[in-house]
C-alpha atoms as a PDB file:
ATOM      1  CA  MET A   1      23.749  -2.050  32.072  1.00  0.00           C
ATOM      2  CA  TYR A   2      24.296  -4.679  29.419  1.00  0.00           C
ATOM      3  CA  ARG A   3      23.030  -7.610  31.448  1.00  0.00           C
ATOM      4  CA  PHE A   4      19.967  -7.632  29.177  1.00  0.00           C
ATOM      5  CA  LEU A   5      22.125  -9.332  26.565  1.00  0.00           C
ATOM      6  CA  LEU A   6      21.822 -12.508  28.649  1.00  0.00           C
ATOM      7  CA  THR A   7      18.024 -12.580  28.566  1.00  0.00           C
ATOM      8  CA  PRO A   8      16.290 -15.305  26.485  1.00  0.00           C
ATOM      9  CA  ARG A   9      15.084 -12.777  23.887  1.00  0.00           C
ATOM     10  CA  TRP A  10      18.580 -11.434  23.339  1.00  0.00           C
ATOM     11  CA  TRP A  11      20.046 -14.925  23.274  1.00  0.00           C
ATOM     12  CA  GLY A  12      17.946 -15.525  20.144  1.00  0.00           C
ATOM     13  CA  ILE A  13      19.051 -12.238  18.567  1.00  0.00           C
ATOM     14  CA  ASN A  14      22.715 -12.900  19.357  1.00  0.00           C
ATOM     15  CA  LEU A  15      22.547 -16.433  17.959  1.00  0.00           C
ATOM     16  CA  PHE A  16      21.046 -15.136  14.704  1.00  0.00           C
ATOM     17  CA  VAL A  17      23.820 -12.534  14.356  1.00  0.00           C
ATOM     18  CA  VAL A  18      26.576 -15.049  15.160  1.00  0.00           C
ATOM     19  CA  LEU A  19      25.275 -17.414  12.476  1.00  0.00           C
ATOM     20  CA  ALA A  20      24.215 -14.852   9.853  1.00  0.00           C
ATOM     21  CA  ILE A  21      27.474 -12.899   9.572  1.00  0.00           C
ATOM     22  CA  PRO A  22      29.779 -15.897   8.895  1.00  0.00           C
ATOM     23  CA  PHE A  23      27.209 -17.292   6.458  1.00  0.00           C
ATOM     24  CA  CYS A  24      27.064 -14.005   4.513  1.00  0.00           C
ATOM     25  CA  VAL A  25      30.864 -13.765   4.446  1.00  0.00           C
ATOM     26  CA  PHE A  26      31.124 -17.370   3.231  1.00  0.00           C
ATOM     27  CA  MET A  27      28.573 -16.830   0.447  1.00  0.00           C
ATOM     28  CA  GLY A  28      30.232 -13.573  -0.605  1.00  0.00           C
ATOM     29  CA  THR A  29      33.638 -15.254  -0.719  1.00  0.00           C
ATOM     30  CA  TRP A  30      32.205 -18.153  -2.725  1.00  0.00           C
ATOM     31  CA  GLN A  31      30.641 -15.802  -5.293  1.00  0.00           C
ATOM     32  CA  LEU A  32      33.915 -13.876  -5.524  1.00  0.00           C
ATOM     33  CA  GLY A  33      35.755 -17.138  -6.135  1.00  0.00           C
ATOM     34  CA  ARG A  34      33.394 -18.003  -9.002  1.00  0.00           C
ATOM     35  CA  PHE A  35      34.016 -14.595 -10.572  1.00  0.00           C
ATOM     36  CA  GLU A  36      37.790 -15.029 -10.247  1.00  0.00           C
ATOM     37  CA  ASP A  37      37.555 -18.493 -11.828  1.00  0.00           C
ATOM     38  CA  ARG A  38      35.720 -17.017 -14.815  1.00  0.00           C
ATOM     39  CA  VAL A  39      38.330 -14.276 -15.146  1.00  0.00           C
ATOM     40  CA  GLN A  40      41.118 -16.868 -15.031  1.00  0.00           C
ATOM     41  CA  SER A  41      39.375 -19.066 -17.603  1.00  0.00           C
ATOM     42  CA  HIS A  42      38.899 -16.041 -19.856  1.00  0.00           C
ATOM     43  CA  GLU A  43      42.579 -15.119 -19.624  1.00  0.00           C
ATOM     44  CA  GLN A  44      43.653 -18.685 -20.369  1.00  0.00           C
ATOM     45  CA  ALA A  45      41.295 -18.877 -23.346  1.00  0.00           C
ATOM     46  CA  GLU A  46      42.774 -15.682 -24.791  1.00  0.00           C
ATOM     47  CA  LYS A  47      46.283 -17.115 -24.549  1.00  0.00           C
ATOM     48  CA  GLN A  48      45.306 -20.325 -26.322  1.00  0.00           C
ATOM     49  CA  PRO A  49      45.146 -20.445 -30.117  1.00  0.00           C
ATOM     50  CA  ASP A  50      41.739 -20.419 -31.770  1.00  0.00           C
ATOM     51  CA  PRO A  51      40.408 -24.003 -31.446  1.00  0.00           C
ATOM     52  CA  SER A  52      39.067 -23.923 -35.009  1.00  0.00           C
ATOM     53  CA  THR A  53      42.597 -23.376 -36.377  1.00  0.00           C
ATOM     54  CA  ARG A  54      43.950 -26.547 -34.823  1.00  0.00           C
ATOM     55  CA  ALA A  55      44.229 -29.821 -36.708  1.00  0.00           C
ATOM     56  CA  ALA A  56      41.063 -31.858 -37.046  1.00  0.00           C
ATOM     57  CA  LYS A  57      40.832 -35.113 -35.101  1.00  0.00           C
ATOM     58  CA  PRO A  58      38.423 -38.041 -35.147  1.00  0.00           C
ATOM     59  CA  LEU A  59      35.308 -37.392 -33.121  1.00  0.00           C
ATOM     60  CA  ASP A  60      35.888 -40.154 -30.556  1.00  0.00           C
ATOM     61  CA  GLU A  61      39.306 -38.715 -29.638  1.00  0.00           C
ATOM     62  CA  LEU A  62      37.768 -35.380 -28.609  1.00  0.00           C
ATOM     63  CA  LEU A  63      34.977 -36.722 -26.415  1.00  0.00           C
ATOM     64  CA  PRO A  64      33.742 -35.877 -23.870  1.00  0.00           C
ATOM     65  CA  VAL A  65      33.496 -32.196 -24.732  1.00  0.00           C
ATOM     66  CA  ASP A  66      35.174 -29.847 -22.252  1.00  0.00           C
ATOM     67  CA  LYS A  67      36.677 -26.362 -22.277  1.00  0.00           C
ATOM     68  CA  VAL A  68      39.766 -27.686 -24.095  1.00  0.00           C
ATOM     69  CA  THR A  69      38.064 -29.658 -26.856  1.00  0.00           C
ATOM     70  CA  SER A  70      35.094 -27.322 -27.358  1.00  0.00           C
ATOM     71  CA  GLY A  71      35.464 -25.633 -30.738  1.00  0.00           C
ATOM     72  CA  ARG A  72      38.049 -28.149 -31.999  1.00  0.00           C
ATOM     73  CA  PRO A  73      37.469 -29.491 -35.531  1.00  0.00           C
ATOM     74  CA  ALA A  74      36.099 -33.022 -35.347  1.00  0.00           C
ATOM     75  CA  VAL A  75      35.896 -35.504 -38.227  1.00  0.00           C
ATOM     76  CA  ALA A  76      33.111 -38.049 -38.576  1.00  0.00           C
ATOM     77  CA  THR A  77      31.973 -40.300 -41.398  1.00  0.00           C
ATOM     78  CA  GLY A  78      28.477 -41.593 -41.993  1.00  0.00           C
ATOM     79  CA  ALA A  79      25.215 -40.996 -43.815  1.00  0.00           C
ATOM     80  CA  TYR A  80      22.679 -38.268 -43.137  1.00  0.00           C
ATOM     81  CA  ALA A  81      19.369 -39.455 -41.685  1.00  0.00           C
ATOM     82  CA  GLU A  82      16.564 -37.545 -39.933  1.00  0.00           C
ATOM     83  CA  GLN A  83      16.414 -33.795 -40.322  1.00  0.00           C
ATOM     84  CA  PHE A  84      15.157 -31.278 -37.741  1.00  0.00           C
ATOM     85  CA  LEU A  85      14.788 -27.510 -37.667  1.00  0.00           C
ATOM     86  CA  VAL A  86      15.835 -25.496 -34.625  1.00  0.00           C
ATOM     87  CA  PRO A  87      13.744 -22.291 -34.541  1.00  0.00           C
ATOM     88  CA  GLY A  88      14.432 -19.036 -32.733  1.00  0.00           C
ATOM     89  CA  ARG A  89      18.152 -18.768 -33.526  1.00  0.00           C
ATOM     90  CA  LYS A  90      19.784 -15.437 -34.371  1.00  0.00           C
ATOM     91  CA  LEU A  91      22.696 -14.831 -36.714  1.00  0.00           C
ATOM     92  CA  ASP A  92      24.010 -11.349 -37.490  1.00  0.00           C
ATOM     93  CA  ASP A  93      21.099  -9.883 -35.485  1.00  0.00           C
ATOM     94  CA  ARG A  94      18.588 -11.596 -37.771  1.00  0.00           C
ATOM     95  CA  GLN A  95      15.999 -14.119 -36.644  1.00  0.00           C
ATOM     96  CA  GLY A  96      16.067 -17.519 -38.243  1.00  0.00           C
ATOM     97  CA  PHE A  97      16.597 -21.223 -37.603  1.00  0.00           C
ATOM     98  CA  TYR A  98      19.238 -23.944 -37.757  1.00  0.00           C
ATOM     99  CA  VAL A  99      19.099 -26.904 -40.125  1.00  0.00           C
ATOM    100  CA  LEU A 100      20.091 -29.958 -38.095  1.00  0.00           C
ATOM    101  CA  ASN A 101      20.723 -33.413 -39.541  1.00  0.00           C
ATOM    102  CA  MET A 102      21.577 -36.645 -37.781  1.00  0.00           C
ATOM    103  CA  LEU A 103      24.742 -38.261 -39.159  1.00  0.00           C
ATOM    104  CA  ARG A 104      24.554 -42.053 -38.694  1.00  0.00           C
ATOM    105  CA  THR A 105      28.121 -43.281 -38.141  1.00  0.00           C
ATOM    106  CA  ASP A 106      29.545 -46.795 -38.471  1.00  0.00           C
ATOM    107  CA  SER A 107      29.354 -47.208 -34.683  1.00  0.00           C
ATOM    108  CA  GLY A 108      25.561 -47.025 -34.846  1.00  0.00           C
ATOM    109  CA  LYS A 109      25.393 -43.765 -32.955  1.00  0.00           C
ATOM    110  CA  ALA A 110      24.384 -40.537 -34.629  1.00  0.00           C
ATOM    111  CA  LEU A 111      26.116 -37.162 -34.485  1.00  0.00           C
ATOM    112  CA  PRO A 112      23.910 -34.052 -34.684  1.00  0.00           C
ATOM    113  CA  VAL A 113      25.273 -31.801 -37.437  1.00  0.00           C
ATOM    114  CA  VAL A 114      24.166 -28.182 -37.862  1.00  0.00           C
ATOM    115  CA  ARG A 115      24.537 -27.781 -41.600  1.00  0.00           C
ATOM    116  CA  GLY A 116      23.701 -24.075 -41.571  1.00  0.00           C
ATOM    117  CA  TRP A 117      21.305 -21.250 -40.771  1.00  0.00           C
ATOM    118  CA  LEU A 118      18.400 -19.803 -42.740  1.00  0.00           C
ATOM    119  CA  PRO A 119      16.456 -16.585 -42.059  1.00  0.00           C
ATOM    120  CA  GLY A 120      12.750 -16.411 -41.308  1.00  0.00           C
ATOM    121  CA  SER A 121      10.358 -18.833 -39.667  1.00  0.00           C
ATOM    122  CA  ALA A 122      11.004 -22.552 -39.472  1.00  0.00           C
ATOM    123  CA  THR A 123       7.325 -23.381 -39.959  1.00  0.00           C
ATOM    124  CA  GLY A 124       6.694 -24.283 -43.588  1.00  0.00           C
ATOM    125  CA  ALA A 125      10.244 -23.361 -44.610  1.00  0.00           C
ATOM    126  CA  ARG A 126      11.893 -24.891 -47.683  1.00  0.00           C
ATOM    127  CA  VAL A 127      15.200 -26.391 -46.576  1.00  0.00           C
ATOM    128  CA  PRO A 128      18.120 -27.508 -48.768  1.00  0.00           C
ATOM    129  CA  ALA A 129      18.338 -31.272 -48.972  1.00  0.00           C
ATOM    130  CA  ALA A 130      21.223 -33.043 -47.261  1.00  0.00           C
ATOM    131  CA  PRO A 131      23.845 -34.821 -49.375  1.00  0.00           C
ATOM    132  CA  GLU A 132      23.050 -38.450 -50.026  1.00  0.00           C
ATOM    133  CA  GLY A 133      25.267 -41.450 -49.466  1.00  0.00           C
ATOM    134  CA  GLU A 134      28.332 -41.670 -47.270  1.00  0.00           C
ATOM    135  CA  VAL A 135      29.885 -38.339 -46.376  1.00  0.00           C
ATOM    136  CA  THR A 136      32.774 -37.188 -44.224  1.00  0.00           C
ATOM    137  CA  VAL A 137      32.101 -34.014 -42.299  1.00  0.00           C
ATOM    138  CA  THR A 138      34.529 -31.785 -40.444  1.00  0.00           C
ATOM    139  CA  GLY A 139      32.800 -29.473 -37.991  1.00  0.00           C
ATOM    140  CA  ASP A 140      33.570 -27.471 -34.893  1.00  0.00           C
ATOM    141  CA  LEU A 141      32.744 -29.562 -31.847  1.00  0.00           C
ATOM    142  CA  GLN A 142      30.158 -28.226 -29.385  1.00  0.00           C
ATOM    143  CA  ALA A 143      28.790 -29.479 -26.072  1.00  0.00           C
ATOM    144  CA  SER A 144      25.125 -30.397 -25.791  1.00  0.00           C
ATOM    145  CA  GLU A 145      22.898 -27.418 -25.051  1.00  0.00           C
ATOM    146  CA  ASN A 146      20.972 -26.969 -21.830  1.00  0.00           C
ATOM    147  CA  SER A 147      18.180 -24.719 -20.583  1.00  0.00           C
ATOM    148  CA  ARG A 148      20.695 -21.892 -19.925  1.00  0.00           C
ATOM    149  CA  SER A 149      22.102 -21.851 -23.460  1.00  0.00           C
ATOM    150  CA  ASP A 150      21.320 -18.876 -25.697  1.00  0.00           C
ATOM    151  CA  GLY A 151      18.313 -19.298 -27.963  1.00  0.00           C
ATOM    152  CA  VAL A 152      17.115 -22.535 -26.386  1.00  0.00           C
ATOM    153  CA  ASN A 153      13.380 -23.173 -26.259  1.00  0.00           C
ATOM    154  CA  ALA A 154      12.852 -25.483 -23.284  1.00  0.00           C
ATOM    155  CA  ARG A 155       9.076 -24.979 -23.104  1.00  0.00           C
ATOM    156  CA  GLY A 156       8.289 -27.520 -25.798  1.00  0.00           C
ATOM    157  CA  GLY A 157       5.099 -27.489 -27.856  1.00  0.00           C
ATOM    158  CA  LEU A 158       6.938 -27.111 -31.177  1.00  0.00           C
ATOM    159  CA  PRO A 159       5.537 -28.485 -34.443  1.00  0.00           C
ATOM    160  CA  GLY A 160       6.674 -31.854 -35.701  1.00  0.00           C
ATOM    161  CA  GLY A 161      10.171 -31.860 -37.159  1.00  0.00           C
ATOM    162  CA  GLN A 162      11.372 -29.032 -34.894  1.00  0.00           C
ATOM    163  CA  VAL A 163      13.440 -29.138 -31.698  1.00  0.00           C
ATOM    164  CA  GLY A 164      14.162 -26.339 -29.260  1.00  0.00           C
ATOM    165  CA  MET A 165      17.414 -27.700 -27.860  1.00  0.00           C
ATOM    166  CA  ILE A 166      20.388 -29.476 -29.442  1.00  0.00           C
ATOM    167  CA  SER A 167      21.155 -32.147 -26.885  1.00  0.00           C
ATOM    168  CA  ALA A 168      21.364 -35.914 -26.761  1.00  0.00           C
ATOM    169  CA  ALA A 169      18.717 -36.011 -24.022  1.00  0.00           C
ATOM    170  CA  THR A 170      16.219 -34.359 -26.371  1.00  0.00           C
ATOM    171  CA  LEU A 171      17.115 -36.015 -29.657  1.00  0.00           C
ATOM    172  CA  VAL A 172      17.330 -39.568 -28.311  1.00  0.00           C
ATOM    173  CA  ASN A 173      13.552 -39.433 -27.794  1.00  0.00           C
ATOM    174  CA  LEU A 174      12.980 -38.538 -31.452  1.00  0.00           C
ATOM    175  CA  VAL A 175      15.175 -41.083 -33.228  1.00  0.00           C
ATOM    176  CA  PRO A 176      15.429 -44.896 -32.900  1.00  0.00           C
ATOM    177  CA  TYR A 177      19.198 -44.970 -32.235  1.00  0.00           C
ATOM    178  CA  ASP A 178      21.773 -43.624 -29.789  1.00  0.00           C
ATOM    179  CA  VAL A 179      23.012 -40.053 -30.089  1.00  0.00           C
ATOM    180  CA  TYR A 180      26.422 -38.613 -29.247  1.00  0.00           C
ATOM    181  CA  ASP A 181      26.424 -36.221 -26.297  1.00  0.00           C
ATOM    182  CA  ALA A 182      27.836 -33.498 -28.574  1.00  0.00           C
ATOM    183  CA  TRP A 183      27.183 -31.826 -31.898  1.00  0.00           C
ATOM    184  CA  VAL A 184      29.169 -30.098 -34.632  1.00  0.00           C
ATOM    185  CA  THR A 185      28.565 -27.042 -36.753  1.00  0.00           C
ATOM    186  CA  LEU A 186      29.959 -26.879 -40.270  1.00  0.00           C
ATOM    187  CA  PRO A 187      32.378 -23.937 -40.594  1.00  0.00           C
ATOM    188  CA  GLU A 188      31.620 -23.497 -44.300  1.00  0.00           C
ATOM    189  CA  ALA A 189      28.505 -23.727 -46.440  1.00  0.00           C
ATOM    190  CA  GLU A 190      28.076 -27.049 -48.179  1.00  0.00           C
ATOM    191  CA  ALA A 191      29.560 -26.992 -51.631  1.00  0.00           C
ATOM    192  CA  GLY A 192      27.318 -27.626 -54.589  1.00  0.00           C
ATOM    193  CA  GLY A 193      23.578 -28.084 -54.909  1.00  0.00           C
ATOM    194  CA  THR A 194      21.198 -26.004 -52.867  1.00  0.00           C
ATOM    195  CA  GLY A 195      23.245 -26.377 -49.672  1.00  0.00           C
ATOM    196  CA  GLY A 196      25.233 -23.251 -50.423  1.00  0.00           C
ATOM    197  CA  ALA A 197      22.201 -21.076 -49.673  1.00  0.00           C
ATOM    198  CA  MET A 198      22.661 -21.661 -45.955  1.00  0.00           C
ATOM    199  CA  LYS A 199      25.011 -19.609 -43.796  1.00  0.00           C
ATOM    200  CA  PRO A 200      27.484 -21.414 -41.532  1.00  0.00           C
ATOM    201  CA  VAL A 201      26.837 -21.157 -37.797  1.00  0.00           C
ATOM    202  CA  PRO A 202      29.956 -20.038 -35.876  1.00  0.00           C
ATOM    203  CA  ALA A 203      31.014 -22.131 -32.909  1.00  0.00           C
ATOM    204  CA  ALA A 204      30.160 -20.691 -29.490  1.00  0.00           C
ATOM    205  CA  ALA A 205      32.659 -20.326 -26.677  1.00  0.00           C
ATOM    206  CA  PRO A 206      32.386 -23.012 -23.985  1.00  0.00           C
ATOM    207  CA  GLU A 207      30.076 -22.162 -21.114  1.00  0.00           C
ATOM    208  CA  GLY A 208      31.781 -20.394 -18.225  1.00  0.00           C
ATOM    209  CA  SER A 209      34.931 -19.497 -20.177  1.00  0.00           C
ATOM    210  CA  GLY A 210      34.230 -15.809 -20.831  1.00  0.00           C
ATOM    211  CA  LEU A 211      33.395 -12.598 -19.024  1.00  0.00           C
ATOM    212  CA  ASP A 212      29.704 -12.712 -19.841  1.00  0.00           C
ATOM    213  CA  LEU A 213      26.745 -11.353 -17.907  1.00  0.00           C
ATOM    214  CA  LYS A 214      26.796 -14.324 -15.532  1.00  0.00           C
ATOM    215  CA  ALA A 215      30.358 -13.489 -14.486  1.00  0.00           C
ATOM    216  CA  PHE A 216      29.384  -9.960 -13.499  1.00  0.00           C
ATOM    217  CA  GLN A 217      26.306 -11.339 -11.748  1.00  0.00           C
ATOM    218  CA  ASN A 218      28.668 -13.289  -9.511  1.00  0.00           C
ATOM    219  CA  LEU A 219      30.514 -10.058  -8.745  1.00  0.00           C
ATOM    220  CA  GLY A 220      27.221  -8.303  -7.941  1.00  0.00           C
ATOM    221  CA  TYR A 221      26.145 -11.133  -5.627  1.00  0.00           C
ATOM    222  CA  THR A 222      29.493 -10.815  -3.852  1.00  0.00           C
ATOM    223  CA  GLY A 223      28.758  -7.193  -2.983  1.00  0.00           C
ATOM    224  CA  GLU A 224      25.204  -8.017  -1.905  1.00  0.00           C
ATOM    225  CA  TRP A 225      26.325 -10.689   0.571  1.00  0.00           C
ATOM    226  CA  PHE A 226      28.985  -8.445   2.132  1.00  0.00           C
ATOM    227  CA  VAL A 227      26.521  -5.547   2.380  1.00  0.00           C
ATOM    228  CA  PHE A 228      23.997  -7.807   4.081  1.00  0.00           C
ATOM    229  CA  ALA A 229      26.633  -8.931   6.601  1.00  0.00           C
ATOM    230  CA  GLY A 230      27.390  -5.288   7.414  1.00  0.00           C
ATOM    231  CA  PHE A 231      23.671  -4.517   7.684  1.00  0.00           C
ATOM    232  CA  VAL A 232      23.136  -7.339  10.204  1.00  0.00           C
ATOM    233  CA  LEU A 233      26.015  -6.058  12.344  1.00  0.00           C
ATOM    234  CA  PHE A 234      24.756  -2.466  12.115  1.00  0.00           C
ATOM    235  CA  MET A 235      21.228  -3.419  13.171  1.00  0.00           C
ATOM    236  CA  TRP A 236      22.571  -5.434  16.118  1.00  0.00           C
ATOM    237  CA  PHE A 237      24.571  -2.454  17.429  1.00  0.00           C
ATOM    238  CA  ARG A 238      21.548  -0.205  16.934  1.00  0.00           C
ATOM    239  CA  LEU A 239      19.250  -2.518  18.882  1.00  0.00           C
ATOM    240  CA  VAL A 240      21.788  -2.842  21.712  1.00  0.00           C
ATOM    241  CA  ARG A 241      22.203   0.913  21.928  1.00  0.00           C
ATOM    242  CA  ARG A 242      18.463   1.551  21.976  1.00  0.00           C
ATOM    243  CA  GLU A 243      17.921  -1.056  24.695  1.00  0.00           C
ATOM    244  CA  ALA A 244      20.756   0.354  26.810  1.00  0.00           C
ATOM    245  CA  GLU A 245      19.442   3.920  26.480  1.00  0.00           C
ATOM    246  CA  ALA A 246      15.946   2.803  27.511  1.00  0.00           C
ATOM    247  CA  LEU A 247      17.289   1.080  30.643  1.00  0.00           C
ATOM    248  CA  ARG A 248      19.379   4.128  31.511  1.00  0.00           C
ATOM    249  CA  ASP A 249      16.341   6.421  31.248  1.00  0.00           C
ATOM    250  CA  ILE A 250      14.415   4.126  33.568  1.00  0.00           C
ATOM    251  CA  GLU A 251      17.251   4.165  36.121  1.00  0.00           C
ATOM    252  CA  LEU A 252      17.333   7.991  36.017  1.00  0.00           C
ATOM    253  CA  GLY A 253      13.587   8.171  36.493  1.00  0.00           C
ATOM    254  CA  LEU A 254      13.005   9.820  33.137  1.00  0.00           C
ATOM    255  CA  VAL A 255      10.664   7.052  32.061  1.00  0.00           C
ATOM    256  CA  PRO A 256       8.467   5.080  34.503  1.00  0.00           C
ATOM    257  CA  GLU A 257       9.072   1.361  34.533  1.00  0.00           C
ATOM    258  CA  ASP A 258       5.280   0.778  34.224  1.00  0.00           C
ATOM    259  CA  PRO A 259       3.530   3.310  31.968  1.00  0.00           C
ATOM    260  CA  ALA A 260       0.200   2.354  33.623  1.00  0.00           C
ATOM    261  CA  ALA A 261       1.543   3.591  36.970  1.00  0.00           C
ATOM    262  CA  ALA A 262       2.185   7.117  35.679  1.00  0.00           C
ATOM    263  CA  PRO A 263       0.727   9.830  37.993  1.00  0.00           C
ATOM    264  CA  GLU A 264      -2.507  11.448  36.840  1.00  0.00           C
ATOM    265  CA  ASP A 265      -2.654  15.075  35.842  1.00  0.00           C
ATOM    266  CA  PRO A 266      -3.759  17.067  38.936  1.00  0.00           C
ATOM    267  CA  GLU A 267      -5.538  19.574  36.705  1.00  0.00           C
ATOM    268  CA  ASP A 268      -7.849  16.864  35.392  1.00  0.00           C
ATOM    269  CA  PRO A 269     -10.386  16.275  38.213  1.00  0.00           C
ATOM    270  CA  ALA A 270     -11.707  12.793  38.748  1.00  0.00           C
ATOM    271  CA  PRO A 271     -15.378  12.242  37.911  1.00  0.00           C
ATOM    272  CA  GLU A 272     -17.757  12.402  40.873  1.00  0.00           C
ATOM    273  CA  ASP A 273     -19.317   9.245  42.185  1.00  0.00           C
ATOM    274  CA  PRO A 274     -23.139   9.367  41.764  1.00  0.00           C
ATOM    275  CA  ALA A 275     -23.456   7.405  45.002  1.00  0.00           C
ATOM    276  CA  SER A 276     -21.518   9.980  47.026  1.00  0.00           C
ATOM    277  CA  PRO A 277     -23.450  12.407  49.305  1.00  0.00           C
ATOM    278  CA  GLY A 278     -24.144  15.820  47.760  1.00  0.00           C
ATOM    279  CA  TYR A 279     -24.052  14.618  44.178  1.00  0.00           C
ATOM    280  CA  ASP A 280     -26.181  17.032  42.129  1.00  0.00           C
ATOM    281  CA  VAL A 281     -27.878  15.178  39.293  1.00  0.00           C
ATOM    282  CA  ALA A 282     -29.276  18.377  37.756  1.00  0.00           C
ATOM    283  CA  SER A 283     -25.821  19.864  37.390  1.00  0.00           C
ATOM    284  CA  THR A 284     -24.465  16.848  35.579  1.00  0.00           C
ATOM    285  CA  PRO A 285     -24.062  17.690  31.897  1.00  0.00           C
ATOM    286  CA  VAL A 286     -25.826  15.521  29.432  1.00  0.00           C
ATOM    287  CA  ARG A 287     -23.380  13.805  27.080  1.00  0.00           C
END
């Protein structure tokens, strides 16, 4: 009864099922592994002391930025140069912008420094001037932003003097010198002058180290892949059962093998042939 499984049409169906189920299981397991990695990273981060409470180190000793060095206090010495505003950034549920200055160090490279946050629109805003001369800053180290970072404007089209993303790849096109692939945020408002009007921007947790929405998306994708694997198997069994029942009905004579060969209803007389003898044209109804 199940010899139909060896037909060319069913060979294609069987091959799809054999390939689809392991693929769905693999993808579901991979997504589950990503969720477990995020949970493990979150647990390890909770056991570690707050990075901002650890002793400050020179910037070069903490690079490149990773999950261990992210948030660590970094020390750099130089002079403030170009200033940019980073619009569309929230702090305490209020809309505002960051004040970003490039700190030219003795190495020739510049370190982006977020000096603080101000409420309102960045267009036409009055911004506190940066300290002049050589300064030594101690800020919480952060990795360069990307298109997935919160608040980033990757569309472009911003007015002059504004940037939508704090990253070396973006800033190196706006300044005539190299830029560190990192940035720091000052944990306290600048003392003296008008700098104290700005609010400090807290350091963000490193990407992929917490149980954020993306972690639970991985868990949701895990369920979707396993459900799809079960659905493929269910549909295969259903198709096999329907095919087997159809063949069984044919063998029992319940369904003719060729529907066109079905016997005509004896109560439905065949139309008369006009060429046959005795055909009465007058009795033929007009349609």
